[in-house]
Amino acid sequence: MKTFILAVLLALSAATAHAAPPAPAQLNPRQGYNVTAIFTGAAGGFYTVQFLVDSGIFQATTITNHMSVSSIFVGPAQCSFEGIDGSFTFVLPGMSADVGPPQAIISGSCDIP
């Protein structure tokens, strides 16, 4: 019986030693992920909004904070924002951009570059 168990264990270890490594986890394009944008205004005021990044599909997010924004920083995504007075601000991944003239931001969308 010991010989049989030892033979089975050796066969199993030999079979798994040559198995292919598991495939790396990949982003499900229908699932997406969130990226955070930081909106900065006068006197150090700021707020954050999370945007869904969905593999090539821009999904506009309405922003209801009425603080006048002078700059926007985003994480690992490219984002575009629309101001209440008609400005459009485009922000590259990991960068910040000035909003000119400073104004409330009413919508934004982000995507992977």
N, C-alpha and C. Protein backbone atom coordinates (compact mmCIF):
# COMPACT_ATOMS: atom_id res chain seq x y z
N MET A 1 0.83 -1.20 0.00
CA MET A 1 0.00 0.00 0.00
C MET A 1 0.87 1.26 0.00
N LYS A 2 1.96 1.25 0.81
CA LYS A 2 2.86 2.41 0.83
C LYS A 2 3.48 2.62 -0.54
N THR A 3 3.82 1.54 -1.20
CA THR A 3 4.44 1.64 -2.52
C THR A 3 3.46 2.25 -3.52
N PHE A 4 2.20 1.86 -3.44
CA PHE A 4 1.18 2.39 -4.33
C PHE A 4 0.99 3.90 -4.11
N ILE A 5 0.88 4.32 -2.86
CA ILE A 5 0.70 5.74 -2.54
C ILE A 5 1.91 6.54 -3.01
N LEU A 6 3.11 6.02 -2.75
CA LEU A 6 4.34 6.69 -3.19
C LEU A 6 4.37 6.82 -4.71
N ALA A 7 3.95 5.78 -5.42
CA ALA A 7 3.94 5.82 -6.89
C ALA A 7 2.94 6.86 -7.41
N VAL A 8 1.78 6.96 -6.77
CA VAL A 8 0.77 7.94 -7.18
C VAL A 8 1.28 9.35 -6.93
N LEU A 9 1.90 9.58 -5.76
CA LEU A 9 2.43 10.91 -5.45
C LEU A 9 3.54 11.31 -6.42
N LEU A 10 4.42 10.37 -6.77
CA LEU A 10 5.48 10.67 -7.73
C LEU A 10 4.90 10.99 -9.11
N ALA A 11 3.88 10.26 -9.52
CA ALA A 11 3.25 10.50 -10.82
C ALA A 11 2.57 11.87 -10.85
N LEU A 12 1.89 12.21 -9.76
CA LEU A 12 1.24 13.52 -9.69
C LEU A 12 2.26 14.66 -9.70
N SER A 13 3.34 14.51 -8.95
CA SER A 13 4.34 15.58 -8.93
C SER A 13 5.02 15.72 -10.27
N ALA A 14 5.24 14.64 -10.98
CA ALA A 14 5.85 14.71 -12.32
C ALA A 14 4.90 15.38 -13.30
N ALA A 15 3.62 15.10 -13.17
CA ALA A 15 2.64 15.68 -14.09
C ALA A 15 2.49 17.18 -13.87
N THR A 16 2.53 17.63 -12.62
CA THR A 16 2.36 19.05 -12.34
C THR A 16 3.65 19.83 -12.53
N ALA A 17 4.79 19.18 -12.53
CA ALA A 17 6.06 19.88 -12.71
C ALA A 17 6.17 20.47 -14.10
N HIS A 18 5.52 19.86 -15.08
CA HIS A 18 5.61 20.34 -16.46
C HIS A 18 4.36 21.07 -16.92
N ALA A 19 3.48 21.37 -16.01
CA ALA A 19 2.26 22.09 -16.37
C ALA A 19 2.59 23.54 -16.69
N ALA A 20 1.82 24.12 -17.58
CA ALA A 20 2.03 25.52 -17.96
C ALA A 20 1.69 26.43 -16.78
N PRO A 21 2.43 27.54 -16.63
CA PRO A 21 2.11 28.47 -15.54
C PRO A 21 0.74 29.09 -15.78
N PRO A 22 0.08 29.51 -14.71
CA PRO A 22 -1.25 30.12 -14.90
C PRO A 22 -1.15 31.41 -15.71
N ALA A 23 -2.16 31.67 -16.48
CA ALA A 23 -2.18 32.89 -17.29
C ALA A 23 -2.35 34.10 -16.37
N PRO A 24 -1.69 35.23 -16.70
CA PRO A 24 -1.85 36.42 -15.86
C PRO A 24 -3.28 36.94 -15.92
N ALA A 25 -3.72 37.54 -14.83
CA ALA A 25 -5.07 38.10 -14.79
C ALA A 25 -5.16 39.26 -15.78
N GLN A 26 -6.26 39.34 -16.47
CA GLN A 26 -6.46 40.40 -17.45
C GLN A 26 -7.73 41.17 -17.11
N LEU A 27 -7.73 42.41 -17.52
CA LEU A 27 -8.90 43.27 -17.31
C LEU A 27 -10.04 42.78 -18.21
N ASN A 28 -11.16 42.52 -17.59
CA ASN A 28 -12.35 42.18 -18.36
C ASN A 28 -12.86 43.48 -18.98
N PRO A 29 -12.86 43.60 -20.31
CA PRO A 29 -13.24 44.87 -20.93
C PRO A 29 -14.64 45.34 -20.57
N ARG A 30 -15.53 44.46 -20.18
CA ARG A 30 -16.87 44.87 -19.81
C ARG A 30 -16.93 45.31 -18.35
N GLN A 31 -15.88 44.99 -17.58
CA GLN A 31 -15.88 45.33 -16.17
C GLN A 31 -15.27 46.70 -15.91
N GLY A 32 -14.13 46.99 -16.54
CA GLY A 32 -13.47 48.27 -16.35
C GLY A 32 -12.90 48.44 -14.96
N TYR A 33 -12.46 49.64 -14.66
CA TYR A 33 -11.97 49.98 -13.33
C TYR A 33 -12.18 51.47 -13.14
N ASN A 34 -11.97 51.94 -11.93
CA ASN A 34 -12.18 53.35 -11.62
C ASN A 34 -10.86 54.09 -11.53
N VAL A 35 -10.86 55.33 -11.97
CA VAL A 35 -9.72 56.21 -11.81
C VAL A 35 -10.23 57.46 -11.08
N THR A 36 -9.39 57.99 -10.20
CA THR A 36 -9.79 59.15 -9.41
C THR A 36 -9.20 60.42 -10.00
N ALA A 37 -10.02 61.45 -10.10
CA ALA A 37 -9.57 62.78 -10.51
C ALA A 37 -9.69 63.69 -9.29
N ILE A 38 -8.68 64.55 -9.14
CA ILE A 38 -8.66 65.51 -8.03
C ILE A 38 -8.84 66.91 -8.61
N PHE A 39 -9.89 67.59 -8.18
CA PHE A 39 -10.21 68.93 -8.65
C PHE A 39 -9.79 69.92 -7.57
N THR A 40 -8.92 70.88 -7.93
CA THR A 40 -8.40 71.83 -6.95
C THR A 40 -8.89 73.24 -7.29
N GLY A 41 -9.30 73.96 -6.25
CA GLY A 41 -9.77 75.33 -6.42
C GLY A 41 -8.95 76.29 -5.60
N ALA A 42 -9.52 77.44 -5.31
CA ALA A 42 -8.83 78.50 -4.55
C ALA A 42 -8.67 78.08 -3.09
N ALA A 43 -7.69 78.67 -2.46
CA ALA A 43 -7.42 78.49 -1.02
C ALA A 43 -7.26 77.03 -0.62
N GLY A 44 -6.74 76.21 -1.51
CA GLY A 44 -6.47 74.81 -1.18
C GLY A 44 -7.68 73.91 -1.16
N GLY A 45 -8.83 74.41 -1.55
CA GLY A 45 -10.02 73.56 -1.59
C GLY A 45 -9.90 72.53 -2.70
N PHE A 46 -10.45 71.34 -2.46
CA PHE A 46 -10.42 70.31 -3.48
C PHE A 46 -11.54 69.30 -3.24
N TYR A 47 -11.83 68.52 -4.26
CA TYR A 47 -12.73 67.38 -4.15
C TYR A 47 -12.29 66.33 -5.15
N THR A 48 -12.75 65.11 -4.97
CA THR A 48 -12.39 64.01 -5.87
C THR A 48 -13.64 63.39 -6.47
N VAL A 49 -13.49 62.83 -7.67
CA VAL A 49 -14.56 62.10 -8.34
C VAL A 49 -13.92 60.87 -8.99
N GLN A 50 -14.61 59.74 -8.89
CA GLN A 50 -14.13 58.54 -9.56
C GLN A 50 -14.85 58.37 -10.89
N PHE A 51 -14.08 57.99 -11.91
CA PHE A 51 -14.61 57.79 -13.25
C PHE A 51 -14.38 56.35 -13.66
N LEU A 52 -15.38 55.75 -14.29
CA LEU A 52 -15.24 54.40 -14.81
C LEU A 52 -14.43 54.44 -16.09
N VAL A 53 -13.37 53.64 -16.14
CA VAL A 53 -12.58 53.49 -17.35
C VAL A 53 -12.95 52.13 -17.91
N ASP A 54 -13.54 52.13 -19.11
CA ASP A 54 -14.14 50.90 -19.64
C ASP A 54 -13.60 50.54 -21.00
N SER A 55 -12.30 50.33 -21.09
CA SER A 55 -11.67 49.76 -22.29
C SER A 55 -12.14 50.37 -23.60
N GLY A 56 -11.93 51.66 -23.74
CA GLY A 56 -12.22 52.30 -25.01
C GLY A 56 -13.57 52.96 -25.13
N ILE A 57 -14.41 52.84 -24.13
CA ILE A 57 -15.74 53.45 -24.18
C ILE A 57 -15.77 54.64 -23.23
N PHE A 58 -15.87 55.86 -23.77
CA PHE A 58 -15.97 57.04 -22.91
C PHE A 58 -17.36 57.08 -22.31
N GLN A 59 -17.43 57.14 -20.99
CA GLN A 59 -18.71 57.24 -20.31
C GLN A 59 -18.70 58.55 -19.52
N ALA A 60 -19.49 59.50 -19.95
CA ALA A 60 -19.54 60.80 -19.29
C ALA A 60 -20.12 60.66 -17.89
N THR A 61 -19.51 61.33 -16.94
CA THR A 61 -19.98 61.36 -15.57
C THR A 61 -20.36 62.79 -15.24
N THR A 62 -21.57 62.98 -14.74
CA THR A 62 -22.02 64.31 -14.33
C THR A 62 -21.40 64.66 -12.99
N ILE A 63 -20.92 65.89 -12.87
CA ILE A 63 -20.30 66.36 -11.62
C ILE A 63 -21.21 67.43 -11.04
N THR A 64 -21.58 67.26 -9.78
CA THR A 64 -22.54 68.18 -9.17
C THR A 64 -21.91 69.13 -8.16
N ASN A 65 -20.60 69.06 -7.95
CA ASN A 65 -19.93 69.99 -7.05
C ASN A 65 -19.75 71.33 -7.79
N HIS A 66 -20.18 72.42 -7.20
CA HIS A 66 -20.16 73.72 -7.89
C HIS A 66 -18.95 74.58 -7.53
N MET A 67 -17.92 73.98 -6.90
CA MET A 67 -16.71 74.72 -6.57
C MET A 67 -15.99 75.14 -7.86
N SER A 68 -15.49 76.35 -7.88
CA SER A 68 -14.71 76.83 -9.02
C SER A 68 -13.36 76.12 -9.01
N VAL A 69 -13.04 75.44 -10.10
CA VAL A 69 -11.84 74.60 -10.20
C VAL A 69 -10.79 75.32 -11.03
N SER A 70 -9.54 75.28 -10.54
CA SER A 70 -8.45 75.90 -11.29
C SER A 70 -7.48 74.88 -11.88
N SER A 71 -7.44 73.65 -11.33
CA SER A 71 -6.61 72.60 -11.91
C SER A 71 -7.19 71.23 -11.60
N ILE A 72 -6.84 70.25 -12.46
CA ILE A 72 -7.34 68.88 -12.33
C ILE A 72 -6.16 67.93 -12.46
N PHE A 73 -6.09 66.96 -11.56
CA PHE A 73 -5.08 65.89 -11.62
C PHE A 73 -5.81 64.57 -11.78
N VAL A 74 -5.29 63.70 -12.66
CA VAL A 74 -5.89 62.37 -12.83
C VAL A 74 -4.83 61.30 -12.65
N GLY A 75 -5.29 60.09 -12.31
CA GLY A 75 -4.40 58.94 -12.17
C GLY A 75 -4.06 58.35 -13.54
N PRO A 76 -3.99 57.03 -13.63
CA PRO A 76 -3.50 56.37 -14.86
C PRO A 76 -4.54 56.27 -15.97
N ALA A 77 -5.03 57.40 -16.42
CA ALA A 77 -5.99 57.43 -17.54
C ALA A 77 -5.94 58.81 -18.16
N GLN A 78 -6.42 58.92 -19.37
CA GLN A 78 -6.56 60.24 -19.99
C GLN A 78 -8.01 60.66 -19.84
N CYS A 79 -8.21 61.91 -19.47
CA CYS A 79 -9.57 62.37 -19.17
C CYS A 79 -9.84 63.71 -19.83
N SER A 80 -11.11 63.96 -20.11
CA SER A 80 -11.53 65.26 -20.61
C SER A 80 -12.69 65.74 -19.74
N PHE A 81 -12.73 67.06 -19.54
CA PHE A 81 -13.70 67.67 -18.65
C PHE A 81 -14.33 68.88 -19.31
N GLU A 82 -15.60 69.10 -19.01
CA GLU A 82 -16.32 70.26 -19.52
C GLU A 82 -16.67 71.18 -18.36
N GLY A 83 -16.36 72.48 -18.53
CA GLY A 83 -16.69 73.47 -17.51
C GLY A 83 -18.05 74.10 -17.74
N ILE A 84 -18.58 74.68 -16.69
CA ILE A 84 -19.91 75.29 -16.76
C ILE A 84 -19.96 76.48 -17.72
N ASP A 85 -18.80 77.14 -17.91
CA ASP A 85 -18.74 78.28 -18.83
C ASP A 85 -18.26 77.89 -20.22
N GLY A 86 -18.21 76.57 -20.50
CA GLY A 86 -17.87 76.12 -21.84
C GLY A 86 -16.43 75.70 -22.07
N SER A 87 -15.59 75.73 -21.06
CA SER A 87 -14.20 75.32 -21.28
C SER A 87 -14.11 73.80 -21.39
N PHE A 88 -13.11 73.32 -22.12
CA PHE A 88 -12.80 71.90 -22.19
C PHE A 88 -11.36 71.73 -21.77
N THR A 89 -11.14 70.81 -20.84
CA THR A 89 -9.79 70.55 -20.32
C THR A 89 -9.47 69.09 -20.54
N PHE A 90 -8.31 68.82 -21.17
CA PHE A 90 -7.85 67.46 -21.43
C PHE A 90 -6.65 67.20 -20.53
N VAL A 91 -6.67 66.07 -19.80
CA VAL A 91 -5.59 65.75 -18.86
C VAL A 91 -4.98 64.41 -19.23
N LEU A 92 -3.66 64.38 -19.39
CA LEU A 92 -2.94 63.15 -19.71
C LEU A 92 -2.73 62.31 -18.46
N PRO A 93 -2.49 61.00 -18.61
CA PRO A 93 -2.32 60.11 -17.46
C PRO A 93 -1.23 60.58 -16.49
N GLY A 94 -1.58 60.61 -15.20
CA GLY A 94 -0.62 60.98 -14.16
C GLY A 94 -0.22 62.44 -14.16
N MET A 95 -0.94 63.27 -14.86
CA MET A 95 -0.59 64.69 -15.00
C MET A 95 -1.70 65.56 -14.42
N SER A 96 -1.41 66.86 -14.35
CA SER A 96 -2.44 67.83 -14.00
C SER A 96 -2.52 68.86 -15.12
N ALA A 97 -3.66 69.52 -15.19
CA ALA A 97 -3.86 70.55 -16.20
C ALA A 97 -4.63 71.69 -15.58
N ASP A 98 -4.33 72.91 -16.03
CA ASP A 98 -5.03 74.08 -15.54
C ASP A 98 -6.37 74.23 -16.26
N VAL A 99 -7.37 74.69 -15.53
CA VAL A 99 -8.67 75.00 -16.10
C VAL A 99 -8.70 76.50 -16.29
N GLY A 100 -8.96 76.96 -17.50
CA GLY A 100 -8.93 78.39 -17.71
C GLY A 100 -10.11 78.88 -18.51
N PRO A 101 -10.75 79.90 -18.02
CA PRO A 101 -10.61 80.46 -16.67
C PRO A 101 -11.20 79.49 -15.63
N PRO A 102 -10.79 79.61 -14.36
CA PRO A 102 -11.35 78.72 -13.32
C PRO A 102 -12.87 78.75 -13.33
N GLN A 103 -13.49 77.57 -13.20
CA GLN A 103 -14.93 77.45 -13.24
C GLN A 103 -15.36 76.09 -12.69
N ALA A 104 -16.62 75.97 -12.39
CA ALA A 104 -17.17 74.66 -11.96
C ALA A 104 -17.10 73.69 -13.12
N ILE A 105 -16.81 72.44 -12.82
CA ILE A 105 -16.76 71.40 -13.84
C ILE A 105 -18.09 70.65 -13.80
N ILE A 106 -18.72 70.47 -14.98
CA ILE A 106 -20.05 69.85 -14.99
C ILE A 106 -20.04 68.39 -15.46
N SER A 107 -19.00 67.99 -16.20
CA SER A 107 -18.94 66.58 -16.62
C SER A 107 -17.51 66.21 -16.99
N GLY A 108 -17.27 64.92 -17.03
CA GLY A 108 -15.96 64.43 -17.43
C GLY A 108 -16.04 62.98 -17.84
N SER A 109 -15.04 62.53 -18.56
CA SER A 109 -14.94 61.13 -18.94
C SER A 109 -13.47 60.76 -19.05
N CYS A 110 -13.18 59.50 -18.79
CA CYS A 110 -11.80 59.01 -18.81
C CYS A 110 -11.72 57.72 -19.60
N ASP A 111 -10.53 57.46 -20.15
CA ASP A 111 -10.27 56.24 -20.90
C ASP A 111 -8.81 55.89 -20.76
N ILE A 112 -8.49 54.65 -21.06
CA ILE A 112 -7.10 54.24 -21.05
C ILE A 112 -6.44 54.71 -22.34
N PRO A 113 -5.20 55.18 -22.25
CA PRO A 113 -4.54 55.71 -23.46
C PRO A 113 -4.18 54.62 -24.45
